[in-house]
C-alpha atoms as a PDB file:
ATOM      1  CA  MET A   1      83.593  97.217  85.240  1.00  0.00           C
ATOM      2  CA  LYS A   2      82.495  98.344  81.355  1.00  0.00           C
ATOM      3  CA  LEU A   3      84.848 100.198  79.034  1.00  0.00           C
ATOM      4  CA  GLY A   4      82.598 102.927  79.188  1.00  0.00           C
ATOM      5  CA  GLU A   5      82.454 103.512  83.165  1.00  0.00           C
ATOM      6  CA  PHE A   6      85.805 103.071  82.775  1.00  0.00           C
ATOM      7  CA  CYS A   7      86.459 106.199  80.217  1.00  0.00           C
ATOM      8  CA  ASP A   8      83.931 108.566  82.361  1.00  0.00           C
ATOM      9  CA  LYS A   9      85.940 107.994  85.390  1.00  0.00           C
ATOM     10  CA  ILE A  10      88.952 108.817  83.232  1.00  0.00           C
ATOM     11  CA  ASN A  11      87.569 111.869  81.684  1.00  0.00           C
ATOM     12  CA  LEU A  12      86.329 112.870  85.184  1.00  0.00           C
ATOM     13  CA  TYR A  13      90.156 112.818  86.717  1.00  0.00           C
ATOM     14  CA  THR A  14      91.626 114.729  83.759  1.00  0.00           C
ATOM     15  CA  HIS A  15      88.750 117.348  83.880  1.00  0.00           C
ATOM     16  CA  ASP A  16      89.463 117.576  87.632  1.00  0.00           C
ATOM     17  CA  ARG A  17      93.141 118.002  87.512  1.00  0.00           C
ATOM     18  CA  ASN A  18      95.779 120.164  85.481  1.00  0.00           C
ATOM     19  CA  GLN A  19      98.260 117.195  86.198  1.00  0.00           C
ATOM     20  CA  ASP A  20      99.552 114.467  83.685  1.00  0.00           C
ATOM     21  CA  SER A  21      99.419 111.701  86.459  1.00  0.00           C
ATOM     22  CA  GLU A  22     101.378 108.092  86.088  1.00  0.00           C
ATOM     23  CA  VAL A  23      99.144 105.557  85.500  1.00  0.00           C
ATOM     24  CA  VAL A  24      99.784 102.673  87.711  1.00  0.00           C
ATOM     25  CA  ILE A  25      98.140  99.067  88.692  1.00  0.00           C
ATOM     26  CA  GLU A  26      97.592  98.540  92.253  1.00  0.00           C
ATOM     27  CA  ILE A  27      99.139  95.548  93.607  1.00  0.00           C
ATOM     28  CA  SER A  28      97.034  94.408  96.477  1.00  0.00           C
ATOM     29  CA  LEU A  29      99.215  92.220  99.385  1.00  0.00           C
ATOM     30  CA  PRO A  30      97.725  89.759 101.648  1.00  0.00           C
ATOM     31  CA  TYR A  31     100.511  91.557 104.175  1.00  0.00           C
ATOM     32  CA  SER A  32     100.976  94.914 105.507  1.00  0.00           C
ATOM     33  CA  THR A  33     103.885  96.924 103.637  1.00  0.00           C
ATOM     34  CA  ILE A  34     105.550 100.130 104.422  1.00  0.00           C
ATOM     35  CA  GLY A  35     105.484 102.928 102.310  1.00  0.00           C
ATOM     36  CA  SER A  36     103.617 104.381  99.107  1.00  0.00           C
ATOM     37  CA  THR A  37     101.048 101.423  97.672  1.00  0.00           C
ATOM     38  CA  PRO A  38     103.044  98.622  95.622  1.00  0.00           C
ATOM     39  CA  SER A  39     102.076  99.036  91.850  1.00  0.00           C
ATOM     40  CA  VAL A  40     103.248  98.474  88.636  1.00  0.00           C
ATOM     41  CA  GLY A  41     103.199 100.636  85.518  1.00  0.00           C
ATOM     42  CA  ILE A  42     100.904  99.972  82.331  1.00  0.00           C
ATOM     43  CA  LYS A  43     102.695  99.052  79.173  1.00  0.00           C
ATOM     44  CA  SER A  44      99.876  98.961  76.873  1.00  0.00           C
ATOM     45  CA  VAL A  45      96.100  98.713  76.551  1.00  0.00           C
ATOM     46  CA  PHE A  46      94.265  96.759  73.461  1.00  0.00           C
ATOM     47  CA  SER A  47      90.789  95.200  72.958  1.00  0.00           C
ATOM     48  CA  GLY A  48      90.341  91.217  72.821  1.00  0.00           C
ATOM     49  CA  PHE A  49      89.407  89.495  69.950  1.00  0.00           C
ATOM     50  CA  ASP A  50      88.349  85.995  69.158  1.00  0.00           C
ATOM     51  CA  TRP A  51      87.429  84.448  72.512  1.00  0.00           C
ATOM     52  CA  ASP A  52      88.118  87.295  74.213  1.00  0.00           C
ATOM     53  CA  ALA A  53      86.005  89.570  72.441  1.00  0.00           C
ATOM     54  CA  GLY A  54      83.948  91.857  74.648  1.00  0.00           C
ATOM     55  CA  LYS A  55      87.074  92.554  76.853  1.00  0.00           C
ATOM     56  CA  PHE A  56      89.568  95.372  77.115  1.00  0.00           C
ATOM     57  CA  PHE A  57      92.955  94.516  78.299  1.00  0.00           C
ATOM     58  CA  ILE A  58      95.184  96.518  80.288  1.00  0.00           C
ATOM     59  CA  ARG A  59      99.008  94.934  80.173  1.00  0.00           C
ATOM     60  CA  PRO A  60     101.319  95.794  83.042  1.00  0.00           C
ATOM     61  CA  GLU A  61     105.132  96.315  82.758  1.00  0.00           C
ATOM     62  CA  LYS A  62     105.743  93.560  84.753  1.00  0.00           C
ATOM     63  CA  ASP A  63     104.162  89.987  84.670  1.00  0.00           C
ATOM     64  CA  LEU A  64     101.388  89.699  87.943  1.00  0.00           C
ATOM     65  CA  THR A  65     100.850  86.491  89.202  1.00  0.00           C
ATOM     66  CA  TYR A  66      98.526  85.324  92.119  1.00  0.00           C
ATOM     67  CA  PRO A  67     100.651  85.462  95.320  1.00  0.00           C
ATOM     68  CA  ASN A  68     102.406  82.338  96.782  1.00  0.00           C
ATOM     69  CA  GLU A  69      99.960  81.977  99.555  1.00  0.00           C
ATOM     70  CA  GLU A  70     102.429  80.253 101.600  1.00  0.00           C
ATOM     71  CA  PHE A  71     104.822  82.862 101.562  1.00  0.00           C
ATOM     72  CA  ALA A  72     102.145  85.129 102.127  1.00  0.00           C
ATOM     73  CA  GLU A  73     100.819  83.287 105.174  1.00  0.00           C
ATOM     74  CA  GLY A  74     104.497  83.393 106.586  1.00  0.00           C
ATOM     75  CA  MET A  75     104.418  87.213 106.441  1.00  0.00           C
ATOM     76  CA  LYS A  76     101.121  87.728 108.186  1.00  0.00           C
ATOM     77  CA  LYS A  77     102.327  85.866 110.852  1.00  0.00           C
ATOM     78  CA  LEU A  78     105.518  87.465 111.101  1.00  0.00           C
ATOM     79  CA  GLN A  79     104.181  90.884 110.986  1.00  0.00           C
ATOM     80  CA  ASP A  80     101.457  89.503 114.059  1.00  0.00           C
ATOM     81  CA  LYS A  81     104.468  88.141 115.626  1.00  0.00           C
ATOM     82  CA  CYS A  82     106.549  91.180 115.713  1.00  0.00           C
ATOM     83  CA  GLY A  83     103.151  93.526 116.290  1.00  0.00           C
ATOM     84  CA  TRP A  84     102.768  91.532 119.500  1.00  0.00           C
ATOM     85  CA  LEU A  85     106.953  91.483 120.710  1.00  0.00           C
ATOM     86  CA  GLU A  86     106.333  95.600 119.963  1.00  0.00           C
ATOM     87  CA  TYR A  87     103.557  95.611 122.218  1.00  0.00           C
ATOM     88  CA  GLU A  88     105.317  93.288 124.789  1.00  0.00           C
ATOM     89  CA  ASN A  89     108.433  95.464 124.545  1.00  0.00           C
ATOM     90  CA  ARG A  90     106.671  98.785 125.261  1.00  0.00           C
ATOM     91  CA  GLY A  91     105.243  96.881 128.609  1.00  0.00           C
ATOM     92  CA  LEU A  92     108.365  95.921 129.638  1.00  0.00           C
ATOM     93  CA  LYS A  93     109.992  99.762 128.969  1.00  0.00           C
ATOM     94  CA  THR A  94     107.112 101.076 131.491  1.00  0.00           C
ATOM     95  CA  GLU A  95     107.852  98.556 133.653  1.00  0.00           C
ATOM     96  CA  ILE A  96     111.567  99.313 133.901  1.00  0.00           C
ATOM     97  CA  LYS A  97     110.525 103.107 134.607  1.00  0.00           C
ATOM     98  CA  LYS A  98     108.057 102.203 137.338  1.00  0.00           C
ATOM     99  CA  LEU A  99     110.831 100.047 138.994  1.00  0.00           C
ATOM    100  CA  LYS A 100     113.212 102.940 138.747  1.00  0.00           C
ATOM    101  CA  LYS A 101     111.441 105.392 140.087  1.00  0.00           C
ATOM    102  CA  LEU A 102     110.641 102.913 143.180  1.00  0.00           C
ATOM    103  CA  LEU A 103     114.633 102.549 143.467  1.00  0.00           C
ATOM    104  CA  GLY A 104     115.174 106.286 144.026  1.00  0.00           C
ATOM    105  CA  GLY A 105     115.680 107.167 139.893  1.00  0.00           C
ATOM    106  CA  ASN A 106     119.047 104.988 139.961  1.00  0.00           C
ATOM    107  CA  ASP A 107     120.193 103.537 137.322  1.00  0.00           C
ATOM    108  CA  VAL A 108     120.236  99.708 137.651  1.00  0.00           C
END
């Protein structure tokens, strides 16, 4: 994205809204989370110079680093396993209800 396009998008949103929204950077994680989208605030913005000439930087409030791929893969596997266990658990609950009904509704 070029700076001009960035400014156009910001102007579009500020003209359409009468609120002063907080500006954040979305953090994309390789596994699912619960709740709001992970994000971090912006500390400052500045234009690059020397080797970084022609670039516009957004500095986050917290340092952002590449995710630990081993940790991310472990989290994904754990979530998949939990999902499968939840699926099996629902199936077992359904089976228990059927068996109770066959036994005449008595608790076992």
